[in-house]
Amino acid sequence: DVNKQEIKRRFAIAHQAFQQHKRLIYRNKNLSWQVRCDIFNTLIMSKLLYGFESWTFPTVQSRLQIHNGVMRLYKRLLGAPHDAHLSDLDILVQTNMPDPTELLRRARLRYFGTLHNCRSHAHWGLLQEDTAWLDLVRDDLQWLWHQVGDSARLADPAQHFMQWRDILVHHGVYWKKLIRRGIQHACLQRKKEFYAIDLHSRIGQIGRAHV
């Protein structure tokens, strides 16, 4: 499986790059958490995900490989012990990072914007034949609409794609801003869900203690 080997190679490079700067950057308490995350995204994640915007990851194995690999990198960024029992939700909330699916959505949506900026120079004929990739992009657009549609006053892209196309073609900076807002909203919603679950769990524990 070519995909499996390439994914494995990418993660090996990412872990090597992380190790190289671990003490200087990622364990440096003099740097704020946000600065460390920004550097991590620039030095590690951008290289890891390069080119993945055009991949479809058709097998469950490849998708799971990406998911588990990203979560391991996030866990290293946190500095958590290797045997620490942290759920994926714990790690995502503590790092305030996008989940692996959202990372791929962001990459595809940015690439979709770049293709529209290329206009007639993009290979639209070939892209139209890649139905698996187009299906992913349609799902990404629906995801983005659910994240920012109300605040941005955007209609359902499945029914009103020309409104979205106008942004893609004529407002590239705004398109990138929408994607950033979509990721931020998803992270905030995840935090709200996490703390709501935690609150209900604590209330349940108190209730049981007083029975």
C-alpha atoms as a PDB file:
ATOM      1  CA  ASP A   1       0.000   0.000   0.000  1.00  0.00           C
ATOM      2  CA  VAL A   2       1.761   3.148  -1.268  1.00  0.00           C
ATOM      3  CA  ASN A   3      -0.411   5.429   0.852  1.00  0.00           C
ATOM      4  CA  LYS A   4       0.394   3.518   4.036  1.00  0.00           C
ATOM      5  CA  GLN A   5       4.141   3.692   3.421  1.00  0.00           C
ATOM      6  CA  GLU A   6       4.067   7.390   2.547  1.00  0.00           C
ATOM      7  CA  ILE A   7       1.975   8.251   5.619  1.00  0.00           C
ATOM      8  CA  LYS A   8       4.384   6.257   7.777  1.00  0.00           C
ATOM      9  CA  ARG A   9       7.346   8.098   6.229  1.00  0.00           C
ATOM     10  CA  ARG A  10       5.734  11.499   6.827  1.00  0.00           C
ATOM     11  CA  PHE A  11       5.088  10.784  10.489  1.00  0.00           C
ATOM     12  CA  ALA A  12       8.660   9.523  10.950  1.00  0.00           C
ATOM     13  CA  ILE A  13       9.937  12.841   9.561  1.00  0.00           C
ATOM     14  CA  ALA A  14       7.507  14.780  11.795  1.00  0.00           C
ATOM     15  CA  HIS A  15       8.651  12.973  14.951  1.00  0.00           C
ATOM     16  CA  GLN A  16      12.298  13.477  14.016  1.00  0.00           C
ATOM     17  CA  ALA A  17      11.691  17.210  13.500  1.00  0.00           C
ATOM     18  CA  PHE A  18       9.873  17.387  16.829  1.00  0.00           C
ATOM     19  CA  GLN A  19      12.733  15.671  18.649  1.00  0.00           C
ATOM     20  CA  GLN A  20      15.226  18.073  17.099  1.00  0.00           C
ATOM     21  CA  HIS A  21      13.519  21.132  18.629  1.00  0.00           C
ATOM     22  CA  LYS A  22      11.892  19.524  21.675  1.00  0.00           C
ATOM     23  CA  ARG A  23      13.948  21.141  24.441  1.00  0.00           C
ATOM     24  CA  LEU A  24      14.609  24.440  22.709  1.00  0.00           C
ATOM     25  CA  ILE A  25      10.968  25.079  21.743  1.00  0.00           C
ATOM     26  CA  TYR A  26       8.301  22.598  22.829  1.00  0.00           C
ATOM     27  CA  ARG A  27       9.531  22.165  26.429  1.00  0.00           C
ATOM     28  CA  ASN A  28      10.598  25.794  26.796  1.00  0.00           C
ATOM     29  CA  LYS A  29       8.451  27.312  29.551  1.00  0.00           C
ATOM     30  CA  ASN A  30       9.711  30.782  28.608  1.00  0.00           C
ATOM     31  CA  LEU A  31       7.669  30.519  25.408  1.00  0.00           C
ATOM     32  CA  SER A  32       3.911  30.896  25.680  1.00  0.00           C
ATOM     33  CA  TRP A  33       1.765  27.912  24.796  1.00  0.00           C
ATOM     34  CA  GLN A  34       0.377  29.733  21.759  1.00  0.00           C
ATOM     35  CA  VAL A  35       3.867  30.501  20.442  1.00  0.00           C
ATOM     36  CA  ARG A  36       4.860  26.838  20.852  1.00  0.00           C
ATOM     37  CA  CYS A  37       1.696  25.757  19.012  1.00  0.00           C
ATOM     38  CA  ASP A  38       2.338  28.234  16.199  1.00  0.00           C
ATOM     39  CA  ILE A  39       5.896  26.950  15.753  1.00  0.00           C
ATOM     40  CA  PHE A  40       4.656  23.343  15.926  1.00  0.00           C
ATOM     41  CA  ASN A  41       2.153  24.062  13.151  1.00  0.00           C
ATOM     42  CA  THR A  42       4.803  25.757  11.021  1.00  0.00           C
ATOM     43  CA  LEU A  43       7.682  23.314  11.483  1.00  0.00           C
ATOM     44  CA  ILE A  44       5.829  20.033  11.940  1.00  0.00           C
ATOM     45  CA  MET A  45       2.229  20.016  10.727  1.00  0.00           C
ATOM     46  CA  SER A  46       2.759  21.971   7.522  1.00  0.00           C
ATOM     47  CA  LYS A  47       5.402  19.467   6.368  1.00  0.00           C
ATOM     48  CA  LEU A  48       3.373  16.470   7.519  1.00  0.00           C
ATOM     49  CA  LEU A  49       0.228  17.537   5.658  1.00  0.00           C
ATOM     50  CA  TYR A  50       1.906  18.863   2.497  1.00  0.00           C
ATOM     51  CA  GLY A  51       0.133  17.380  -0.515  1.00  0.00           C
ATOM     52  CA  PHE A  52      -2.528  15.630   1.572  1.00  0.00           C
ATOM     53  CA  GLU A  53      -5.116  18.139   0.309  1.00  0.00           C
ATOM     54  CA  SER A  54      -5.390  16.105  -2.898  1.00  0.00           C
ATOM     55  CA  TRP A  55      -5.504  12.673  -1.247  1.00  0.00           C
ATOM     56  CA  THR A  56      -8.751  10.852  -0.569  1.00  0.00           C
ATOM     57  CA  PHE A  57      -7.598   8.219   1.969  1.00  0.00           C
ATOM     58  CA  PRO A  58     -10.079   5.605   0.688  1.00  0.00           C
ATOM     59  CA  THR A  59      -9.426   2.913   3.289  1.00  0.00           C
ATOM     60  CA  VAL A  60     -10.368   2.850   6.960  1.00  0.00           C
ATOM     61  CA  GLN A  61      -6.773   1.851   7.707  1.00  0.00           C
ATOM     62  CA  SER A  62      -5.296   4.957   6.088  1.00  0.00           C
ATOM     63  CA  ARG A  63      -7.762   7.257   7.857  1.00  0.00           C
ATOM     64  CA  LEU A  64      -7.038   5.579  11.188  1.00  0.00           C
ATOM     65  CA  GLN A  65      -3.306   5.830  10.511  1.00  0.00           C
ATOM     66  CA  ILE A  66      -3.622   9.594  10.009  1.00  0.00           C
ATOM     67  CA  HIS A  67      -5.844  10.015  13.067  1.00  0.00           C
ATOM     68  CA  ASN A  68      -3.651   8.038  15.447  1.00  0.00           C
ATOM     69  CA  GLY A  69      -0.464   9.599  14.108  1.00  0.00           C
ATOM     70  CA  VAL A  70      -1.703  13.160  14.598  1.00  0.00           C
ATOM     71  CA  MET A  71      -2.969  12.409  18.099  1.00  0.00           C
ATOM     72  CA  ARG A  72       0.445  10.973  19.048  1.00  0.00           C
ATOM     73  CA  LEU A  73       2.121  14.183  17.843  1.00  0.00           C
ATOM     74  CA  TYR A  74      -0.338  16.283  19.844  1.00  0.00           C
ATOM     75  CA  LYS A  75       0.363  14.169  22.931  1.00  0.00           C
ATOM     76  CA  ARG A  76       4.093  14.793  22.509  1.00  0.00           C
ATOM     77  CA  LEU A  77       3.410  18.506  22.163  1.00  0.00           C
ATOM     78  CA  LEU A  78       1.558  18.416  25.487  1.00  0.00           C
ATOM     79  CA  GLY A  79       4.546  16.743  27.089  1.00  0.00           C
ATOM     80  CA  ALA A  80       2.315  14.028  28.518  1.00  0.00           C
ATOM     81  CA  PRO A  81       4.016  10.807  29.685  1.00  0.00           C
ATOM     82  CA  HIS A  82       3.961   8.048  27.090  1.00  0.00           C
ATOM     83  CA  ASP A  83       1.756   5.872  29.308  1.00  0.00           C
ATOM     84  CA  ALA A  84      -0.630   8.677  30.318  1.00  0.00           C
ATOM     85  CA  HIS A  85      -4.251   7.651  29.860  1.00  0.00           C
ATOM     86  CA  LEU A  86      -5.576  10.604  27.897  1.00  0.00           C
ATOM     87  CA  SER A  87      -8.568  10.334  25.596  1.00  0.00           C
ATOM     88  CA  ASP A  88      -8.491  12.016  22.184  1.00  0.00           C
ATOM     89  CA  LEU A  89     -10.938  14.588  23.539  1.00  0.00           C
ATOM     90  CA  ASP A  90      -8.631  15.309  26.493  1.00  0.00           C
ATOM     91  CA  ILE A  91      -5.715  15.904  24.136  1.00  0.00           C
ATOM     92  CA  LEU A  92      -7.674  18.076  21.697  1.00  0.00           C
ATOM     93  CA  VAL A  93      -9.093  20.272  24.444  1.00  0.00           C
ATOM     94  CA  GLN A  94      -5.751  20.680  26.214  1.00  0.00           C
ATOM     95  CA  THR A  95      -3.868  21.519  23.007  1.00  0.00           C
ATOM     96  CA  ASN A  96      -6.747  23.524  21.487  1.00  0.00           C
ATOM     97  CA  MET A  97      -5.825  21.970  18.155  1.00  0.00           C
ATOM     98  CA  PRO A  98      -8.104  20.843  15.292  1.00  0.00           C
ATOM     99  CA  ASP A  99      -8.863  17.151  15.190  1.00  0.00           C
ATOM    100  CA  PRO A 100      -7.242  15.156  12.349  1.00  0.00           C
ATOM    101  CA  THR A 101     -10.379  15.251  10.200  1.00  0.00           C
ATOM    102  CA  GLU A 102     -10.563  19.031  10.559  1.00  0.00           C
ATOM    103  CA  LEU A 103      -6.902  19.340   9.561  1.00  0.00           C
ATOM    104  CA  LEU A 104      -7.647  17.540   6.296  1.00  0.00           C
ATOM    105  CA  ARG A 105     -10.811  19.599   5.766  1.00  0.00           C
ATOM    106  CA  ARG A 106      -8.803  22.791   6.186  1.00  0.00           C
ATOM    107  CA  ALA A 107      -6.173  21.606   3.716  1.00  0.00           C
ATOM    108  CA  ARG A 108      -8.776  20.660   1.082  1.00  0.00           C
ATOM    109  CA  LEU A 109     -10.776  23.868   1.499  1.00  0.00           C
ATOM    110  CA  ARG A 110      -7.653  26.015   1.160  1.00  0.00           C
ATOM    111  CA  TYR A 111      -6.666  24.033  -1.939  1.00  0.00           C
ATOM    112  CA  PHE A 112     -10.184  24.458  -3.331  1.00  0.00           C
ATOM    113  CA  GLY A 113      -9.735  28.211  -2.973  1.00  0.00           C
ATOM    114  CA  THR A 114      -6.340  28.081  -4.682  1.00  0.00           C
ATOM    115  CA  LEU A 115      -7.851  26.179  -7.618  1.00  0.00           C
ATOM    116  CA  HIS A 116     -10.481  28.883  -8.084  1.00  0.00           C
ATOM    117  CA  ASN A 117      -7.777  31.544  -8.000  1.00  0.00           C
ATOM    118  CA  CYS A 118      -6.067  29.660 -10.841  1.00  0.00           C
ATOM    119  CA  ARG A 119      -9.389  29.823 -12.762  1.00  0.00           C
ATOM    120  CA  SER A 120      -8.879  28.487 -16.307  1.00  0.00           C
ATOM    121  CA  HIS A 121      -5.350  27.270 -15.507  1.00  0.00           C
ATOM    122  CA  ALA A 122      -6.675  24.653 -13.063  1.00  0.00           C
ATOM    123  CA  HIS A 123      -7.180  21.156 -14.476  1.00  0.00           C
ATOM    124  CA  TRP A 124     -10.962  21.174 -13.974  1.00  0.00           C
ATOM    125  CA  GLY A 125     -11.529  18.294 -16.390  1.00  0.00           C
ATOM    126  CA  LEU A 126      -9.307  15.977 -14.363  1.00  0.00           C
ATOM    127  CA  LEU A 127     -10.794  17.214 -11.105  1.00  0.00           C
ATOM    128  CA  GLN A 128     -14.336  16.489 -12.280  1.00  0.00           C
ATOM    129  CA  GLU A 129     -13.304  12.888 -12.902  1.00  0.00           C
ATOM    130  CA  ASP A 130     -12.042  12.560  -9.324  1.00  0.00           C
ATOM    131  CA  THR A 131     -15.477  11.961  -7.851  1.00  0.00           C
ATOM    132  CA  ALA A 132     -14.131  10.679  -4.518  1.00  0.00           C
ATOM    133  CA  TRP A 133     -12.223  13.924  -3.924  1.00  0.00           C
ATOM    134  CA  LEU A 134     -15.174  16.054  -5.021  1.00  0.00           C
ATOM    135  CA  ASP A 135     -17.429  14.187  -2.596  1.00  0.00           C
ATOM    136  CA  LEU A 136     -15.001  15.039   0.203  1.00  0.00           C
ATOM    137  CA  VAL A 137     -14.996  18.718  -0.788  1.00  0.00           C
ATOM    138  CA  ARG A 138     -18.792  18.798  -0.852  1.00  0.00           C
ATOM    139  CA  ASP A 139     -18.813  17.398   2.665  1.00  0.00           C
ATOM    140  CA  ASP A 140     -16.151  19.942   3.693  1.00  0.00           C
ATOM    141  CA  LEU A 141     -18.312  22.786   2.365  1.00  0.00           C
ATOM    142  CA  GLN A 142     -21.289  21.494   4.350  1.00  0.00           C
ATOM    143  CA  TRP A 143     -19.107  21.299   7.451  1.00  0.00           C
ATOM    144  CA  LEU A 144     -17.891  24.873   6.948  1.00  0.00           C
ATOM    145  CA  TRP A 145     -21.442  26.095   6.413  1.00  0.00           C
ATOM    146  CA  HIS A 146     -22.558  24.507   9.693  1.00  0.00           C
ATOM    147  CA  GLN A 147     -19.648  26.196  11.473  1.00  0.00           C
ATOM    148  CA  VAL A 148     -19.890  29.735  10.069  1.00  0.00           C
ATOM    149  CA  GLY A 149     -22.991  29.897   7.878  1.00  0.00           C
ATOM    150  CA  ASP A 150     -25.182  31.848  10.278  1.00  0.00           C
ATOM    151  CA  SER A 151     -22.565  34.428  11.280  1.00  0.00           C
ATOM    152  CA  ALA A 152     -21.394  34.912   7.677  1.00  0.00           C
ATOM    153  CA  ARG A 153     -24.952  34.899   6.266  1.00  0.00           C
ATOM    154  CA  LEU A 154     -24.162  32.159   3.810  1.00  0.00           C
ATOM    155  CA  ALA A 155     -26.750  29.833   2.317  1.00  0.00           C
ATOM    156  CA  ASP A 156     -26.446  26.069   1.979  1.00  0.00           C
ATOM    157  CA  PRO A 157     -23.615  25.461  -0.548  1.00  0.00           C
ATOM    158  CA  ALA A 158     -25.466  22.435  -1.916  1.00  0.00           C
ATOM    159  CA  GLN A 159     -28.288  24.741  -3.035  1.00  0.00           C
ATOM    160  CA  HIS A 160     -26.514  28.076  -3.505  1.00  0.00           C
ATOM    161  CA  PHE A 161     -22.994  27.261  -4.631  1.00  0.00           C
ATOM    162  CA  MET A 162     -22.713  30.416  -6.797  1.00  0.00           C
ATOM    163  CA  GLN A 163     -22.706  32.520  -3.613  1.00  0.00           C
ATOM    164  CA  TRP A 164     -19.767  30.472  -2.361  1.00  0.00           C
ATOM    165  CA  ARG A 165     -18.068  30.532  -5.772  1.00  0.00           C
ATOM    166  CA  ASP A 166     -18.141  34.326  -5.729  1.00  0.00           C
ATOM    167  CA  ILE A 167     -16.147  34.274  -2.485  1.00  0.00           C
ATOM    168  CA  LEU A 168     -13.756  31.640  -3.834  1.00  0.00           C
ATOM    169  CA  VAL A 169     -13.041  33.571  -7.034  1.00  0.00           C
ATOM    170  CA  HIS A 170     -13.161  37.195  -5.868  1.00  0.00           C
ATOM    171  CA  HIS A 171     -12.490  37.191  -2.131  1.00  0.00           C
ATOM    172  CA  GLY A 172      -9.586  34.825  -1.468  1.00  0.00           C
ATOM    173  CA  VAL A 173      -8.520  36.508   1.779  1.00  0.00           C
ATOM    174  CA  TYR A 174     -12.065  36.292   3.134  1.00  0.00           C
ATOM    175  CA  TRP A 175     -12.224  32.616   2.128  1.00  0.00           C
ATOM    176  CA  LYS A 176      -9.152  31.858   4.246  1.00  0.00           C
ATOM    177  CA  LYS A 177     -10.693  33.839   7.100  1.00  0.00           C
ATOM    178  CA  LEU A 178     -13.874  31.749   6.883  1.00  0.00           C
ATOM    179  CA  ILE A 179     -11.832  28.550   7.099  1.00  0.00           C
ATOM    180  CA  ARG A 180      -9.959  29.855  10.175  1.00  0.00           C
ATOM    181  CA  ARG A 181     -13.253  30.808  11.797  1.00  0.00           C
ATOM    182  CA  GLY A 182     -14.665  27.377  11.013  1.00  0.00           C
ATOM    183  CA  ILE A 183     -11.735  25.652  12.720  1.00  0.00           C
ATOM    184  CA  GLN A 184     -11.912  27.991  15.721  1.00  0.00           C
ATOM    185  CA  HIS A 185     -15.643  27.418  16.077  1.00  0.00           C
ATOM    186  CA  ALA A 186     -15.206  23.638  15.937  1.00  0.00           C
ATOM    187  CA  CYS A 187     -12.525  23.800  18.657  1.00  0.00           C
ATOM    188  CA  LEU A 188     -14.720  25.997  20.863  1.00  0.00           C
ATOM    189  CA  GLN A 189     -17.717  23.695  20.418  1.00  0.00           C
ATOM    190  CA  ARG A 190     -15.562  20.745  21.401  1.00  0.00           C
ATOM    191  CA  LYS A 191     -14.429  22.576  24.549  1.00  0.00           C
ATOM    192  CA  LYS A 192     -18.019  23.419  25.465  1.00  0.00           C
ATOM    193  CA  GLU A 193     -19.011  19.782  25.050  1.00  0.00           C
ATOM    194  CA  PHE A 194     -16.015  18.627  27.110  1.00  0.00           C
ATOM    195  CA  TYR A 195     -16.727  20.964  30.015  1.00  0.00           C
ATOM    196  CA  ALA A 196     -20.458  20.187  29.923  1.00  0.00           C
ATOM    197  CA  ILE A 197     -19.713  16.463  30.184  1.00  0.00           C
ATOM    198  CA  ASP A 198     -17.202  17.135  32.977  1.00  0.00           C
ATOM    199  CA  LEU A 199     -19.712  19.284  34.882  1.00  0.00           C
ATOM    200  CA  HIS A 200     -22.441  16.637  34.664  1.00  0.00           C
ATOM    201  CA  SER A 201     -19.950  13.995  35.784  1.00  0.00           C
ATOM    202  CA  ARG A 202     -18.966  16.065  38.847  1.00  0.00           C
ATOM    203  CA  ILE A 203     -22.609  16.696  39.721  1.00  0.00           C
ATOM    204  CA  GLY A 204     -23.271  12.971  39.444  1.00  0.00           C
ATOM    205  CA  GLN A 205     -20.345  12.197  41.750  1.00  0.00           C
ATOM    206  CA  ILE A 206     -21.569  14.709  44.346  1.00  0.00           C
ATOM    207  CA  GLY A 207     -25.071  13.259  44.122  1.00  0.00           C
ATOM    208  CA  ARG A 208     -23.824   9.721  44.663  1.00  0.00           C
ATOM    209  CA  ALA A 209     -21.653  10.822  47.587  1.00  0.00           C
ATOM    210  CA  HIS A 210     -24.702  12.202  49.401  1.00  0.00           C
ATOM    211  CA  VAL A 211     -27.035   9.284  48.793  1.00  0.00           C
END
